[in-house]
Amino acid sequence: MESKNQLKQVFINIIKNSIEAMPEGGAIHITTKVKENHLWLQLADEGQGIPPERLAKIGEPFYSTKEKGTGLGLMVSYRIIKAHHAQMTFSSQLDKGTSVDILFPIIKK
């Protein structure tokens, strides 16, 4: 799969999860900043949040917080991010929402 399509799939997975975490509606905030030699991107929702014990397992194969989830979407997303020499971290507060931070290296050619 082409690099831009892989990253598109990561963003689709994260945004889809955010939408599903806000059954009553809410906002998804997308922020970007250049920090030294990195591009920082954050996607933050106003959803239900993820309990700490579940947050620690996010990205593990076949682990899902959804009733009918496979747990493969975020596992694949982690692999794509790693293949791009980037890092992805999650933080969450119950009843306040979840943030996904992705730090991409800026490679100058």
PDB file of N, CA and C in Angstrom:
ATOM      1  N   MET A   1       0.851  -1.180   0.000  1.00  0.00           N
ATOM      2  CA  MET A   1       0.000   0.000   0.000  1.00  0.00           C
ATOM      3  C   MET A   1       0.895   1.240   0.000  1.00  0.00           C
ATOM      4  N   GLU A   2       0.511   2.210  -0.772  1.00  0.00           N
ATOM      5  CA  GLU A   2       1.271   3.452  -0.885  1.00  0.00           C
ATOM      6  C   GLU A   2       1.266   4.210   0.444  1.00  0.00           C
ATOM      7  N   SER A   3       2.370   4.900   0.724  1.00  0.00           N
ATOM      8  CA  SER A   3       2.570   5.588   1.997  1.00  0.00           C
ATOM      9  C   SER A   3       1.421   6.532   2.358  1.00  0.00           C
ATOM     10  N   LYS A   4       0.986   7.369   1.397  1.00  0.00           N
ATOM     11  CA  LYS A   4      -0.088   8.317   1.726  1.00  0.00           C
ATOM     12  C   LYS A   4      -1.394   7.598   2.020  1.00  0.00           C
ATOM     13  N   ASN A   5      -1.638   6.465   1.367  1.00  0.00           N
ATOM     14  CA  ASN A   5      -2.852   5.694   1.653  1.00  0.00           C
ATOM     15  C   ASN A   5      -2.774   5.021   3.015  1.00  0.00           C
ATOM     16  N   GLN A   6      -1.567   4.619   3.424  1.00  0.00           N
ATOM     17  CA  GLN A   6      -1.404   4.036   4.751  1.00  0.00           C
ATOM     18  C   GLN A   6      -1.737   5.065   5.821  1.00  0.00           C
ATOM     19  N   LEU A   7      -1.190   6.260   5.674  1.00  0.00           N
ATOM     20  CA  LEU A   7      -1.458   7.308   6.658  1.00  0.00           C
ATOM     21  C   LEU A   7      -2.930   7.698   6.647  1.00  0.00           C
ATOM     22  N   LYS A   8      -3.518   7.727   5.481  1.00  0.00           N
ATOM     23  CA  LYS A   8      -4.953   8.016   5.383  1.00  0.00           C
ATOM     24  C   LYS A   8      -5.745   6.983   6.179  1.00  0.00           C
ATOM     25  N   GLN A   9      -5.346   5.720   6.103  1.00  0.00           N
ATOM     26  CA  GLN A   9      -6.023   4.654   6.837  1.00  0.00           C
ATOM     27  C   GLN A   9      -5.888   4.858   8.349  1.00  0.00           C
ATOM     28  N   VAL A  10      -4.719   5.295   8.806  1.00  0.00           N
ATOM     29  CA  VAL A  10      -4.511   5.581  10.231  1.00  0.00           C
ATOM     30  C   VAL A  10      -5.491   6.659  10.677  1.00  0.00           C
ATOM     31  N   PHE A  11      -5.566   7.765   9.919  1.00  0.00           N
ATOM     32  CA  PHE A  11      -6.446   8.865  10.304  1.00  0.00           C
ATOM     33  C   PHE A  11      -7.912   8.451  10.257  1.00  0.00           C
ATOM     34  N   ILE A  12      -8.293   7.645   9.277  1.00  0.00           N
ATOM     35  CA  ILE A  12      -9.671   7.136   9.205  1.00  0.00           C
ATOM     36  C   ILE A  12      -9.980   6.301  10.441  1.00  0.00           C
ATOM     37  N   ASN A  13      -9.068   5.412  10.832  1.00  0.00           N
ATOM     38  CA  ASN A  13      -9.288   4.567  12.019  1.00  0.00           C
ATOM     39  C   ASN A  13      -9.478   5.412  13.270  1.00  0.00           C
ATOM     40  N   ILE A  14      -8.601   6.398  13.460  1.00  0.00           N
ATOM     41  CA  ILE A  14      -8.675   7.229  14.669  1.00  0.00           C
ATOM     42  C   ILE A  14      -9.956   8.059  14.679  1.00  0.00           C
ATOM     43  N   ILE A  15     -10.288   8.681  13.557  1.00  0.00           N
ATOM     44  CA  ILE A  15     -11.491   9.519  13.495  1.00  0.00           C
ATOM     45  C   ILE A  15     -12.752   8.672  13.654  1.00  0.00           C
ATOM     46  N   LYS A  16     -12.778   7.490  13.048  1.00  0.00           N
ATOM     47  CA  LYS A  16     -13.926   6.590  13.193  1.00  0.00           C
ATOM     48  C   LYS A  16     -14.108   6.207  14.668  1.00  0.00           C
ATOM     49  N   ASN A  17     -13.006   5.887  15.352  1.00  0.00           N
ATOM     50  CA  ASN A  17     -13.091   5.555  16.774  1.00  0.00           C
ATOM     51  C   ASN A  17     -13.614   6.739  17.581  1.00  0.00           C
ATOM     52  N   SER A  18     -13.160   7.943  17.240  1.00  0.00           N
ATOM     53  CA  SER A  18     -13.630   9.143  17.944  1.00  0.00           C
ATOM     54  C   SER A  18     -15.127   9.339  17.751  1.00  0.00           C
ATOM     55  N   ILE A  19     -15.597   9.190  16.536  1.00  0.00           N
ATOM     56  CA  ILE A  19     -17.025   9.351  16.246  1.00  0.00           C
ATOM     57  C   ILE A  19     -17.839   8.339  17.048  1.00  0.00           C
ATOM     58  N   GLU A  20     -17.367   7.087  17.075  1.00  0.00           N
ATOM     59  CA  GLU A  20     -18.089   6.038  17.802  1.00  0.00           C
ATOM     60  C   GLU A  20     -18.067   6.273  19.317  1.00  0.00           C
ATOM     61  N   ALA A  21     -17.073   7.008  19.814  1.00  0.00           N
ATOM     62  CA  ALA A  21     -16.977   7.296  21.251  1.00  0.00           C
ATOM     63  C   ALA A  21     -17.871   8.464  21.663  1.00  0.00           C
ATOM     64  N   MET A  22     -18.527   9.092  20.667  1.00  0.00           N
ATOM     65  CA  MET A  22     -19.395  10.245  20.955  1.00  0.00           C
ATOM     66  C   MET A  22     -20.800   9.984  20.408  1.00  0.00           C
ATOM     67  N   PRO A  23     -21.521   9.004  20.971  1.00  0.00           N
ATOM     68  CA  PRO A  23     -22.847   8.685  20.435  1.00  0.00           C
ATOM     69  C   PRO A  23     -23.837   9.842  20.519  1.00  0.00           C
ATOM     70  N   GLU A  24     -23.616  10.776  21.427  1.00  0.00           N
ATOM     71  CA  GLU A  24     -24.494  11.939  21.560  1.00  0.00           C
ATOM     72  C   GLU A  24     -23.974  13.139  20.776  1.00  0.00           C
ATOM     73  N   GLY A  25     -22.910  12.935  20.014  1.00  0.00           N
ATOM     74  CA  GLY A  25     -22.303  14.023  19.255  1.00  0.00           C
ATOM     75  C   GLY A  25     -21.150  14.645  20.029  1.00  0.00           C
ATOM     76  N   GLY A  26     -20.471  15.551  19.385  1.00  0.00           N
ATOM     77  CA  GLY A  26     -19.323  16.207  19.997  1.00  0.00           C
ATOM     78  C   GLY A  26     -18.367  16.659  18.911  1.00  0.00           C
ATOM     79  N   ALA A  27     -17.235  17.156  19.316  1.00  0.00           N
ATOM     80  CA  ALA A  27     -16.262  17.687  18.362  1.00  0.00           C
ATOM     81  C   ALA A  27     -14.989  16.855  18.379  1.00  0.00           C
ATOM     82  N   ILE A  28     -14.322  16.855  17.243  1.00  0.00           N
ATOM     83  CA  ILE A  28     -12.989  16.289  17.118  1.00  0.00           C
ATOM     84  C   ILE A  28     -12.083  17.456  16.757  1.00  0.00           C
ATOM     85  N   HIS A  29     -11.083  17.685  17.583  1.00  0.00           N
ATOM     86  CA  HIS A  29     -10.151  18.788  17.353  1.00  0.00           C
ATOM     87  C   HIS A  29      -8.854  18.225  16.787  1.00  0.00           C
ATOM     88  N   ILE A  30      -8.394  18.800  15.682  1.00  0.00           N
ATOM     89  CA  ILE A  30      -7.145  18.373  15.057  1.00  0.00           C
ATOM     90  C   ILE A  30      -6.176  19.536  15.132  1.00  0.00           C
ATOM     91  N   THR A  31      -5.029  19.276  15.750  1.00  0.00           N
ATOM     92  CA  THR A  31      -4.018  20.303  15.951  1.00  0.00           C
ATOM     93  C   THR A  31      -2.698  19.819  15.362  1.00  0.00           C
ATOM     94  N   THR A  32      -1.976  20.725  14.709  1.00  0.00           N
ATOM     95  CA  THR A  32      -0.639  20.383  14.214  1.00  0.00           C
ATOM     96  C   THR A  32       0.331  21.489  14.611  1.00  0.00           C
ATOM     97  N   LYS A  33       1.551  21.083  14.881  1.00  0.00           N
ATOM     98  CA  LYS A  33       2.623  22.032  15.192  1.00  0.00           C
ATOM     99  C   LYS A  33       3.936  21.436  14.718  1.00  0.00           C
ATOM    100  N   VAL A  34       4.836  22.310  14.314  1.00  0.00           N
ATOM    101  CA  VAL A  34       6.188  21.873  14.027  1.00  0.00           C
ATOM    102  C   VAL A  34       7.002  22.132  15.283  1.00  0.00           C
ATOM    103  N   LYS A  35       7.642  21.078  15.789  1.00  0.00           N
ATOM    104  CA  LYS A  35       8.471  21.164  16.998  1.00  0.00           C
ATOM    105  C   LYS A  35       9.852  20.653  16.633  1.00  0.00           C
ATOM    106  N   GLU A  36      10.800  21.557  16.548  1.00  0.00           N
ATOM    107  CA  GLU A  36      12.169  21.223  16.171  1.00  0.00           C
ATOM    108  C   GLU A  36      12.165  20.415  14.873  1.00  0.00           C
ATOM    109  N   ASN A  37      12.600  19.162  14.925  1.00  0.00           N
ATOM    110  CA  ASN A  37      12.667  18.350  13.714  1.00  0.00           C
ATOM    111  C   ASN A  37      11.500  17.372  13.605  1.00  0.00           C
ATOM    112  N   HIS A  38      10.353  17.746  14.202  1.00  0.00           N
ATOM    113  CA  HIS A  38       9.193  16.863  14.186  1.00  0.00           C
ATOM    114  C   HIS A  38       7.911  17.631  13.857  1.00  0.00           C
ATOM    115  N   LEU A  39       6.981  16.905  13.285  1.00  0.00           N
ATOM    116  CA  LEU A  39       5.624  17.408  13.090  1.00  0.00           C
ATOM    117  C   LEU A  39       4.764  16.706  14.132  1.00  0.00           C
ATOM    118  N   TRP A  40       4.128  17.490  14.989  1.00  0.00           N
ATOM    119  CA  TRP A  40       3.250  16.947  16.026  1.00  0.00           C
ATOM    120  C   TRP A  40       1.818  17.125  15.560  1.00  0.00           C
ATOM    121  N   LEU A  41       1.060  16.038  15.591  1.00  0.00           N
ATOM    122  CA  LEU A  41      -0.336  16.055  15.192  1.00  0.00           C
ATOM    123  C   LEU A  41      -1.144  15.458  16.338  1.00  0.00           C
ATOM    124  N   GLN A  42      -2.210  16.140  16.715  1.00  0.00           N
ATOM    125  CA  GLN A  42      -3.074  15.625  17.772  1.00  0.00           C
ATOM    126  C   GLN A  42      -4.511  15.598  17.286  1.00  0.00           C
ATOM    127  N   LEU A  43      -5.177  14.473  17.516  1.00  0.00           N
ATOM    128  CA  LEU A  43      -6.605  14.336  17.265  1.00  0.00           C
ATOM    129  C   LEU A  43      -7.245  14.098  18.626  1.00  0.00           C
ATOM    130  N   ALA A  44      -8.120  14.998  19.050  1.00  0.00           N
ATOM    131  CA  ALA A  44      -8.743  14.908  20.367  1.00  0.00           C
ATOM    132  C   ALA A  44     -10.257  14.951  20.230  1.00  0.00           C
ATOM    133  N   ASP A  45     -10.923  14.010  20.900  1.00  0.00           N
ATOM    134  CA  ASP A  45     -12.388  13.993  20.852  1.00  0.00           C
ATOM    135  C   ASP A  45     -12.969  14.340  22.216  1.00  0.00           C
ATOM    136  N   GLU A  46     -14.281  14.512  22.245  1.00  0.00           N
ATOM    137  CA  GLU A  46     -15.014  14.822  23.468  1.00  0.00           C
ATOM    138  C   GLU A  46     -15.861  13.625  23.878  1.00  0.00           C
ATOM    139  N   GLY A  47     -15.320  12.445  23.634  1.00  0.00           N
ATOM    140  CA  GLY A  47     -16.073  11.214  23.862  1.00  0.00           C
ATOM    141  C   GLY A  47     -16.076  10.739  25.294  1.00  0.00           C
ATOM    142  N   GLN A  48     -16.425   9.469  25.436  1.00  0.00           N
ATOM    143  CA  GLN A  48     -16.606   8.846  26.736  1.00  0.00           C
ATOM    144  C   GLN A  48     -15.297   8.624  27.488  1.00  0.00           C
ATOM    145  N   GLY A  49     -14.204   8.624  26.772  1.00  0.00           N
ATOM    146  CA  GLY A  49     -12.917   8.334  27.397  1.00  0.00           C
ATOM    147  C   GLY A  49     -12.698   6.840  27.541  1.00  0.00           C
ATOM    148  N   ILE A  50     -11.485   6.478  27.881  1.00  0.00           N
ATOM    149  CA  ILE A  50     -11.098   5.069  28.003  1.00  0.00           C
ATOM    150  C   ILE A  50     -10.536   4.860  29.408  1.00  0.00           C
ATOM    151  N   PRO A  51     -11.042   3.858  30.135  1.00  0.00           N
ATOM    152  CA  PRO A  51     -10.505   3.583  31.472  1.00  0.00           C
ATOM    153  C   PRO A  51      -9.008   3.247  31.401  1.00  0.00           C
ATOM    154  N   PRO A  52      -8.231   3.620  32.422  1.00  0.00           N
ATOM    155  CA  PRO A  52      -6.781   3.395  32.405  1.00  0.00           C
ATOM    156  C   PRO A  52      -6.375   1.952  32.129  1.00  0.00           C
ATOM    157  N   GLU A  53      -7.095   0.985  32.691  1.00  0.00           N
ATOM    158  CA  GLU A  53      -6.728  -0.423  32.473  1.00  0.00           C
ATOM    159  C   GLU A  53      -6.922  -0.839  31.013  1.00  0.00           C
ATOM    160  N   ARG A  54      -7.856  -0.225  30.318  1.00  0.00           N
ATOM    161  CA  ARG A  54      -8.065  -0.521  28.899  1.00  0.00           C
ATOM    162  C   ARG A  54      -7.099   0.277  28.030  1.00  0.00           C
ATOM    163  N   LEU A  55      -6.797   1.486  28.445  1.00  0.00           N
ATOM    164  CA  LEU A  55      -5.885   2.354  27.701  1.00  0.00           C
ATOM    165  C   LEU A  55      -4.518   1.682  27.542  1.00  0.00           C
ATOM    166  N   ALA A  56      -4.078   0.979  28.579  1.00  0.00           N
ATOM    167  CA  ALA A  56      -2.770   0.313  28.555  1.00  0.00           C
ATOM    168  C   ALA A  56      -2.704  -0.796  27.504  1.00  0.00           C
ATOM    169  N   LYS A  57      -3.854  -1.321  27.080  1.00  0.00           N
ATOM    170  CA  LYS A  57      -3.881  -2.438  26.133  1.00  0.00           C
ATOM    171  C   LYS A  57      -4.168  -2.012  24.691  1.00  0.00           C
ATOM    172  N   ILE A  58      -4.398  -0.727  24.468  1.00  0.00           N
ATOM    173  CA  ILE A  58      -4.745  -0.260  23.116  1.00  0.00           C
ATOM    174  C   ILE A  58      -3.615  -0.582  22.147  1.00  0.00           C
ATOM    175  N   GLY A  59      -3.981  -1.116  21.011  1.00  0.00           N
ATOM    176  CA  GLY A  59      -3.003  -1.467  19.986  1.00  0.00           C
ATOM    177  C   GLY A  59      -2.577  -2.922  20.038  1.00  0.00           C
ATOM    178  N   GLU A  60      -2.962  -3.638  21.100  1.00  0.00           N
ATOM    179  CA  GLU A  60      -2.650  -5.064  21.166  1.00  0.00           C
ATOM    180  C   GLU A  60      -3.560  -5.811  20.197  1.00  0.00           C
ATOM    181  N   PRO A  61      -3.014  -6.843  19.531  1.00  0.00           N
ATOM    182  CA  PRO A  61      -3.847  -7.609  18.589  1.00  0.00           C
ATOM    183  C   PRO A  61      -5.067  -8.210  19.291  1.00  0.00           C
ATOM    184  N   PHE A  62      -6.193  -8.093  18.640  1.00  0.00           N
ATOM    185  CA  PHE A  62      -7.460  -8.679  19.073  1.00  0.00           C
ATOM    186  C   PHE A  62      -7.995  -8.096  20.378  1.00  0.00           C
ATOM    187  N   TYR A  63      -7.460  -6.956  20.807  1.00  0.00           N
ATOM    188  CA  TYR A  63      -8.013  -6.277  21.979  1.00  0.00           C
ATOM    189  C   TYR A  63      -8.834  -5.099  21.489  1.00  0.00           C
ATOM    190  N   SER A  64     -10.088  -5.037  21.902  1.00  0.00           N
ATOM    191  CA  SER A  64     -10.962  -3.950  21.490  1.00  0.00           C
ATOM    192  C   SER A  64     -11.832  -3.521  22.659  1.00  0.00           C
ATOM    193  N   THR A  65     -12.122  -2.227  22.707  1.00  0.00           N
ATOM    194  CA  THR A  65     -13.047  -1.723  23.719  1.00  0.00           C
ATOM    195  C   THR A  65     -14.478  -1.735  23.169  1.00  0.00           C
ATOM    196  N   LYS A  66     -14.622  -2.104  21.894  1.00  0.00           N
ATOM    197  CA  LYS A  66     -15.944  -2.117  21.272  1.00  0.00           C
ATOM    198  C   LYS A  66     -16.538  -3.521  21.318  1.00  0.00           C
ATOM    199  N   GLU A  67     -17.858  -3.582  21.434  1.00  0.00           N
ATOM    200  CA  GLU A  67     -18.543  -4.864  21.531  1.00  0.00           C
ATOM    201  C   GLU A  67     -18.263  -5.759  20.329  1.00  0.00           C
ATOM    202  N   LYS A  68     -18.242  -5.177  19.127  1.00  0.00           N
ATOM    203  CA  LYS A  68     -18.024  -5.986  17.926  1.00  0.00           C
ATOM    204  C   LYS A  68     -16.690  -5.670  17.256  1.00  0.00           C
ATOM    205  N   GLY A  69     -15.774  -5.057  17.987  1.00  0.00           N
ATOM    206  CA  GLY A  69     -14.480  -4.694  17.419  1.00  0.00           C
ATOM    207  C   GLY A  69     -13.536  -5.880  17.345  1.00  0.00           C
ATOM    208  N   THR A  70     -12.608  -5.823  16.387  1.00  0.00           N
ATOM    209  CA  THR A  70     -11.624  -6.897  16.224  1.00  0.00           C
ATOM    210  C   THR A  70     -10.304  -6.562  16.902  1.00  0.00           C
ATOM    211  N   GLY A  71     -10.075  -5.285  17.174  1.00  0.00           N
ATOM    212  CA  GLY A  71      -8.803  -4.884  17.760  1.00  0.00           C
ATOM    213  C   GLY A  71      -7.686  -4.766  16.744  1.00  0.00           C
ATOM    214  N   LEU A  72      -8.002  -4.942  15.473  1.00  0.00           N
ATOM    215  CA  LEU A  72      -6.955  -4.915  14.455  1.00  0.00           C
ATOM    216  C   LEU A  72      -6.707  -3.523  13.882  1.00  0.00           C
ATOM    217  N   GLY A  73      -7.689  -2.638  13.934  1.00  0.00           N
ATOM    218  CA  GLY A  73      -7.542  -1.302  13.347  1.00  0.00           C
ATOM    219  C   GLY A  73      -6.392  -0.520  13.952  1.00  0.00           C
ATOM    220  N   LEU A  74      -6.351  -0.445  15.273  1.00  0.00           N
ATOM    221  CA  LEU A  74      -5.276   0.315  15.918  1.00  0.00           C
ATOM    222  C   LEU A  74      -3.956  -0.441  15.901  1.00  0.00           C
ATOM    223  N   MET A  75      -3.999  -1.773  15.907  1.00  0.00           N
ATOM    224  CA  MET A  75      -2.763  -2.540  15.797  1.00  0.00           C
ATOM    225  C   MET A  75      -2.087  -2.232  14.461  1.00  0.00           C
ATOM    226  N   VAL A  76      -2.870  -2.243  13.388  1.00  0.00           N
ATOM    227  CA  VAL A  76      -2.338  -1.921  12.058  1.00  0.00           C
ATOM    228  C   VAL A  76      -1.882  -0.462  12.023  1.00  0.00           C
ATOM    229  N   SER A  77      -2.640   0.416  12.652  1.00  0.00           N
ATOM    230  CA  SER A  77      -2.264   1.833  12.697  1.00  0.00           C
ATOM    231  C   SER A  77      -0.908   2.020  13.380  1.00  0.00           C
ATOM    232  N   TYR A  78      -0.696   1.332  14.497  1.00  0.00           N
ATOM    233  CA  TYR A  78       0.604   1.402  15.182  1.00  0.00           C
ATOM    234  C   TYR A  78       1.733   0.950  14.249  1.00  0.00           C
ATOM    235  N   ARG A  79       1.503  -0.122  13.515  1.00  0.00           N
ATOM    236  CA  ARG A  79       2.537  -0.627  12.594  1.00  0.00           C
ATOM    237  C   ARG A  79       2.835   0.373  11.483  1.00  0.00           C
ATOM    238  N   ILE A  80       1.794   0.995  10.954  1.00  0.00           N
ATOM    239  CA  ILE A  80       1.989   1.998   9.895  1.00  0.00           C
ATOM    240  C   ILE A  80       2.775   3.183  10.440  1.00  0.00           C
ATOM    241  N   ILE A  81       2.393   3.651  11.615  1.00  0.00           N
ATOM    242  CA  ILE A  81       3.095   4.791  12.227  1.00  0.00           C
ATOM    243  C   ILE A  81       4.565   4.433  12.469  1.00  0.00           C
ATOM    244  N   LYS A  82       4.818   3.250  12.979  1.00  0.00           N
ATOM    245  CA  LYS A  82       6.200   2.809  13.223  1.00  0.00           C
ATOM    246  C   LYS A  82       6.987   2.741  11.913  1.00  0.00           C
ATOM    247  N   ALA A  83       6.351   2.261  10.841  1.00  0.00           N
ATOM    248  CA  ALA A  83       7.013   2.171   9.533  1.00  0.00           C
ATOM    249  C   ALA A  83       7.391   3.554   9.002  1.00  0.00           C
ATOM    250  N   HIS A  84       6.722   4.591   9.471  1.00  0.00           N
ATOM    251  CA  HIS A  84       7.025   5.966   9.075  1.00  0.00           C
ATOM    252  C   HIS A  84       7.956   6.641  10.094  1.00  0.00           C
ATOM    253  N   HIS A  85       8.570   5.828  10.959  1.00  0.00           N
ATOM    254  CA  HIS A  85       9.515   6.313  11.973  1.00  0.00           C
ATOM    255  C   HIS A  85       8.872   7.346  12.896  1.00  0.00           C
ATOM    256  N   ALA A  86       7.584   7.176  13.128  1.00  0.00           N
ATOM    257  CA  ALA A  86       6.828   8.092  13.977  1.00  0.00           C
ATOM    258  C   ALA A  86       6.417   7.368  15.258  1.00  0.00           C
ATOM    259  N   GLN A  87       5.837   8.126  16.183  1.00  0.00           N
ATOM    260  CA  GLN A  87       5.349   7.576  17.443  1.00  0.00           C
ATOM    261  C   GLN A  87       3.900   8.002  17.639  1.00  0.00           C
ATOM    262  N   MET A  88       3.095   7.092  18.190  1.00  0.00           N
ATOM    263  CA  MET A  88       1.690   7.399  18.455  1.00  0.00           C
ATOM    264  C   MET A  88       1.403   7.055  19.913  1.00  0.00           C
ATOM    265  N   THR A  89       0.818   8.023  20.632  1.00  0.00           N
ATOM    266  CA  THR A  89       0.452   7.792  22.027  1.00  0.00           C
ATOM    267  C   THR A  89      -0.993   8.229  22.259  1.00  0.00           C
ATOM    268  N   PHE A  90      -1.624   7.573  23.207  1.00  0.00           N
ATOM    269  CA  PHE A  90      -3.005   7.862  23.579  1.00  0.00           C
ATOM    270  C   PHE A  90      -3.046   8.368  25.010  1.00  0.00           C
ATOM    271  N   SER A  91      -3.909   9.343  25.256  1.00  0.00           N
ATOM    272  CA  SER A  91      -4.211   9.757  26.624  1.00  0.00           C
ATOM    273  C   SER A  91      -5.722   9.949  26.699  1.00  0.00           C
ATOM    274  N   SER A  92      -6.291   9.707  27.862  1.00  0.00           N
ATOM    275  CA  SER A  92      -7.743   9.738  27.960  1.00  0.00           C
ATOM    276  C   SER A  92      -8.196  10.060  29.373  1.00  0.00           C
ATOM    277  N   GLN A  93      -9.356  10.718  29.465  1.00  0.00           N
ATOM    278  CA  GLN A  93     -10.022  10.978  30.732  1.00  0.00           C
ATOM    279  C   GLN A  93     -11.472  10.558  30.585  1.00  0.00           C
ATOM    280  N   LEU A  94     -11.946   9.773  31.527  1.00  0.00           N
ATOM    281  CA  LEU A  94     -13.331   9.321  31.472  1.00  0.00           C
ATOM    282  C   LEU A  94     -14.288  10.512  31.438  1.00  0.00           C
ATOM    283  N   ASP A  95     -15.269  10.426  30.574  1.00  0.00           N
ATOM    284  CA  ASP A  95     -16.305  11.445  30.376  1.00  0.00           C
ATOM    285  C   ASP A  95     -15.773  12.777  29.844  1.00  0.00           C
ATOM    286  N   LYS A  96     -14.516  12.825  29.442  1.00  0.00           N
ATOM    287  CA  LYS A  96     -13.953  14.056  28.880  1.00  0.00           C
ATOM    288  C   LYS A  96     -13.385  13.865  27.484  1.00  0.00           C
ATOM    289  N   GLY A  97     -12.932  12.655  27.186  1.00  0.00           N
ATOM    290  CA  GLY A  97     -12.436  12.402  25.846  1.00  0.00           C
ATOM    291  C   GLY A  97     -11.061  11.764  25.791  1.00  0.00           C
ATOM    292  N   THR A  98     -10.628  11.541  24.562  1.00  0.00           N
ATOM    293  CA  THR A  98      -9.364  10.869  24.289  1.00  0.00           C
ATOM    294  C   THR A  98      -8.569  11.691  23.293  1.00  0.00           C
ATOM    295  N   SER A  99      -7.260  11.721  23.492  1.00  0.00           N
ATOM    296  CA  SER A  99      -6.344  12.399  22.573  1.00  0.00           C
ATOM    297  C   SER A  99      -5.363  11.385  22.010  1.00  0.00           C
ATOM    298  N   VAL A 100      -5.115  11.507  20.728  1.00  0.00           N
ATOM    299  CA  VAL A 100      -4.103  10.693  20.064  1.00  0.00           C
ATOM    300  C   VAL A 100      -3.038  11.662  19.562  1.00  0.00           C
ATOM    301  N   ASP A 101      -1.816  11.466  20.018  1.00  0.00           N
ATOM    302  CA  ASP A 101      -0.702  12.301  19.591  1.00  0.00           C
ATOM    303  C   ASP A 101       0.208  11.486  18.678  1.00  0.00           C
ATOM    304  N   ILE A 102       0.544  12.058  17.537  1.00  0.00           N
ATOM    305  CA  ILE A 102       1.456  11.398  16.606  1.00  0.00           C
ATOM    306  C   ILE A 102       2.608  12.362  16.337  1.00  0.00           C
ATOM    307  N   LEU A 103       3.811  11.857  16.504  1.00  0.00           N
ATOM    308  CA  LEU A 103       5.010  12.649  16.302  1.00  0.00           C
ATOM    309  C   LEU A 103       5.781  12.081  15.116  1.00  0.00           C
ATOM    310  N   PHE A 104       5.797  12.857  14.019  1.00  0.00           N
ATOM    311  CA  PHE A 104       6.496  12.448  12.793  1.00  0.00           C
ATOM    312  C   PHE A 104       7.839  13.142  12.711  1.00  0.00           C
ATOM    313  N   PRO A 105       8.884  12.424  12.330  1.00  0.00           N
ATOM    314  CA  PRO A 105      10.156  13.122  12.093  1.00  0.00           C
ATOM    315  C   PRO A 105      10.075  13.919  10.779  1.00  0.00           C
ATOM    316  N   ILE A 106      10.692  15.077  10.775  1.00  0.00           N
ATOM    317  CA  ILE A 106      10.772  15.839   9.531  1.00  0.00           C
ATOM    318  C   ILE A 106      12.093  15.481   8.873  1.00  0.00           C
ATOM    319  N   ILE A 107      11.992  14.895   7.700  1.00  0.00           N
ATOM    320  CA  ILE A 107      13.185  14.469   6.972  1.00  0.00           C
ATOM    321  C   ILE A 107      13.434  15.456   5.853  1.00  0.00           C
ATOM    322  N   LYS A 108      14.547  16.128   5.937  1.00  0.00           N
ATOM    323  CA  LYS A 108      14.884  17.131   4.911  1.00  0.00           C
ATOM    324  C   LYS A 108      15.675  16.463   3.805  1.00  0.00           C
ATOM    325  N   LYS A 109      15.268  16.741   2.591  1.00  0.00           N
ATOM    326  CA  LYS A 109      15.967  16.150   1.429  1.00  0.00           C
ATOM    327  C   LYS A 109      16.777  17.190   0.717  1.00  0.00           C
TER     328      LYS A 109
END
